[in-house]
Amino acid sequence: MRYSDFWELMDDVFGSSYARTLATDQVLGVLADRTAVQALADGVEPRTVWRALCDAMEVPEHRRWGSDQPRSGRRR
């Protein structure tokens, strides 16, 4: 997953305004008590951050890859 995919999914699943707040404010224990933004900045793979965030926010599996899944060309 590329960084652009991560942010596209954030906007799609959580909404563009809430996605930014969630990424900067939600501390995730599984990411060593970092936010998504901090973990990405520290080099954690976007896919790992995405999964951790989805787990923490209890996003159902069928919603984790966005509303228009499956997208051709999307790396999973």
C-alpha atoms as a PDB file:
ATOM      1  CA  MET A   1       0.000   0.000   0.000  1.00  0.00           C
ATOM      2  CA  ARG A   2       1.290   3.447  -0.893  1.00  0.00           C
ATOM      3  CA  TYR A   3       0.915   6.503   1.320  1.00  0.00           C
ATOM      4  CA  SER A   4      -1.544   7.958  -1.189  1.00  0.00           C
ATOM      5  CA  ASP A   5      -3.665   4.785  -0.894  1.00  0.00           C
ATOM      6  CA  PHE A   6      -3.640   5.149   2.881  1.00  0.00           C
ATOM      7  CA  TRP A   7      -4.939   8.719   2.760  1.00  0.00           C
ATOM      8  CA  GLU A   8      -7.494   7.888   0.077  1.00  0.00           C
ATOM      9  CA  LEU A   9      -8.869   5.097   2.243  1.00  0.00           C
ATOM     10  CA  MET A  10      -8.856   7.343   5.310  1.00  0.00           C
ATOM     11  CA  ASP A  11     -11.007   9.878   3.471  1.00  0.00           C
ATOM     12  CA  ASP A  12     -13.300   7.233   2.028  1.00  0.00           C
ATOM     13  CA  VAL A  13     -13.877   5.261   5.223  1.00  0.00           C
ATOM     14  CA  PHE A  14     -13.844   8.049   7.825  1.00  0.00           C
ATOM     15  CA  GLY A  15     -14.622  11.202   5.840  1.00  0.00           C
ATOM     16  CA  SER A  16     -12.024  13.799   4.945  1.00  0.00           C
ATOM     17  CA  SER A  17     -12.406  16.008   8.029  1.00  0.00           C
ATOM     18  CA  TYR A  18     -12.588  13.237  10.609  1.00  0.00           C
ATOM     19  CA  ALA A  19      -9.816  11.261   8.904  1.00  0.00           C
ATOM     20  CA  ARG A  20      -7.239  13.991   9.552  1.00  0.00           C
ATOM     21  CA  THR A  21      -8.320  14.378  13.180  1.00  0.00           C
ATOM     22  CA  LEU A  22      -8.282  10.628  13.723  1.00  0.00           C
ATOM     23  CA  ALA A  23      -4.835  10.243  12.164  1.00  0.00           C
ATOM     24  CA  THR A  24      -3.309  12.956  14.326  1.00  0.00           C
ATOM     25  CA  ASP A  25      -5.147  12.363  17.628  1.00  0.00           C
ATOM     26  CA  GLN A  26      -5.916   8.641  18.030  1.00  0.00           C
ATOM     27  CA  VAL A  27      -3.053   6.978  19.903  1.00  0.00           C
ATOM     28  CA  LEU A  28      -2.729   3.302  19.016  1.00  0.00           C
ATOM     29  CA  GLY A  29      -1.125   0.958  21.525  1.00  0.00           C
ATOM     30  CA  VAL A  30      -0.296  -1.598  18.850  1.00  0.00           C
ATOM     31  CA  LEU A  31       1.797   1.089  17.135  1.00  0.00           C
ATOM     32  CA  ALA A  32       3.887   1.667  20.266  1.00  0.00           C
ATOM     33  CA  ASP A  33       1.519   4.342  21.554  1.00  0.00           C
ATOM     34  CA  ARG A  34       1.852   6.484  18.448  1.00  0.00           C
ATOM     35  CA  THR A  35      -0.744   8.118  16.269  1.00  0.00           C
ATOM     36  CA  ALA A  36      -1.108   7.070  12.644  1.00  0.00           C
ATOM     37  CA  VAL A  37       0.746  10.203  11.534  1.00  0.00           C
ATOM     38  CA  GLN A  38       3.593   9.557  13.976  1.00  0.00           C
ATOM     39  CA  ALA A  39       3.873   5.904  12.962  1.00  0.00           C
ATOM     40  CA  LEU A  40       3.974   6.790   9.262  1.00  0.00           C
ATOM     41  CA  ALA A  41       6.609   9.447   9.929  1.00  0.00           C
ATOM     42  CA  ASP A  42       8.659   6.850  11.825  1.00  0.00           C
ATOM     43  CA  GLY A  43       8.616   4.542   8.801  1.00  0.00           C
ATOM     44  CA  VAL A  44       5.880   2.082   9.719  1.00  0.00           C
ATOM     45  CA  GLU A  45       4.333   0.634   6.561  1.00  0.00           C
ATOM     46  CA  PRO A  46       1.025   2.319   5.616  1.00  0.00           C
ATOM     47  CA  ARG A  47      -0.699  -1.090   5.440  1.00  0.00           C
ATOM     48  CA  THR A  48       0.290  -1.846   9.046  1.00  0.00           C
ATOM     49  CA  VAL A  49      -0.942   1.558  10.205  1.00  0.00           C
ATOM     50  CA  TRP A  50      -4.188   1.142   8.256  1.00  0.00           C
ATOM     51  CA  ARG A  51      -4.906  -2.263   9.783  1.00  0.00           C
ATOM     52  CA  ALA A  52      -4.140  -1.014  13.292  1.00  0.00           C
ATOM     53  CA  LEU A  53      -6.423   1.965  12.846  1.00  0.00           C
ATOM     54  CA  CYS A  54      -9.240  -0.159  11.409  1.00  0.00           C
ATOM     55  CA  ASP A  55      -8.931  -2.625  14.286  1.00  0.00           C
ATOM     56  CA  ALA A  56      -8.981   0.155  16.886  1.00  0.00           C
ATOM     57  CA  MET A  57     -11.990   1.840  15.291  1.00  0.00           C
ATOM     58  CA  GLU A  58     -13.755  -1.511  14.750  1.00  0.00           C
ATOM     59  CA  VAL A  59     -14.177  -0.942  11.021  1.00  0.00           C
ATOM     60  CA  PRO A  60     -15.981  -3.979   9.573  1.00  0.00           C
ATOM     61  CA  GLU A  61     -13.921  -6.042   7.170  1.00  0.00           C
ATOM     62  CA  HIS A  62     -16.208  -5.232   4.237  1.00  0.00           C
ATOM     63  CA  ARG A  63     -15.567  -1.480   4.705  1.00  0.00           C
ATOM     64  CA  ARG A  64     -11.800  -1.585   5.205  1.00  0.00           C
ATOM     65  CA  TRP A  65     -10.956  -1.171   1.539  1.00  0.00           C
ATOM     66  CA  GLY A  66     -13.382   1.636   0.793  1.00  0.00           C
ATOM     67  CA  SER A  67     -16.819   1.967  -0.658  1.00  0.00           C
ATOM     68  CA  ASP A  68     -15.980   1.049  -4.237  1.00  0.00           C
ATOM     69  CA  GLN A  69     -13.968  -2.095  -3.599  1.00  0.00           C
ATOM     70  CA  PRO A  70     -12.427  -3.952  -5.193  1.00  0.00           C
ATOM     71  CA  ARG A  71     -10.412  -1.292  -6.949  1.00  0.00           C
ATOM     72  CA  SER A  72      -8.315  -2.464  -9.822  1.00  0.00           C
ATOM     73  CA  GLY A  73      -4.661  -1.785  -9.323  1.00  0.00           C
ATOM     74  CA  ARG A  74      -4.913  -1.196  -5.578  1.00  0.00           C
ATOM     75  CA  ARG A  75      -2.120  -2.851  -3.642  1.00  0.00           C
ATOM     76  CA  ARG A  76      -3.338  -4.758  -0.616  1.00  0.00           C
END
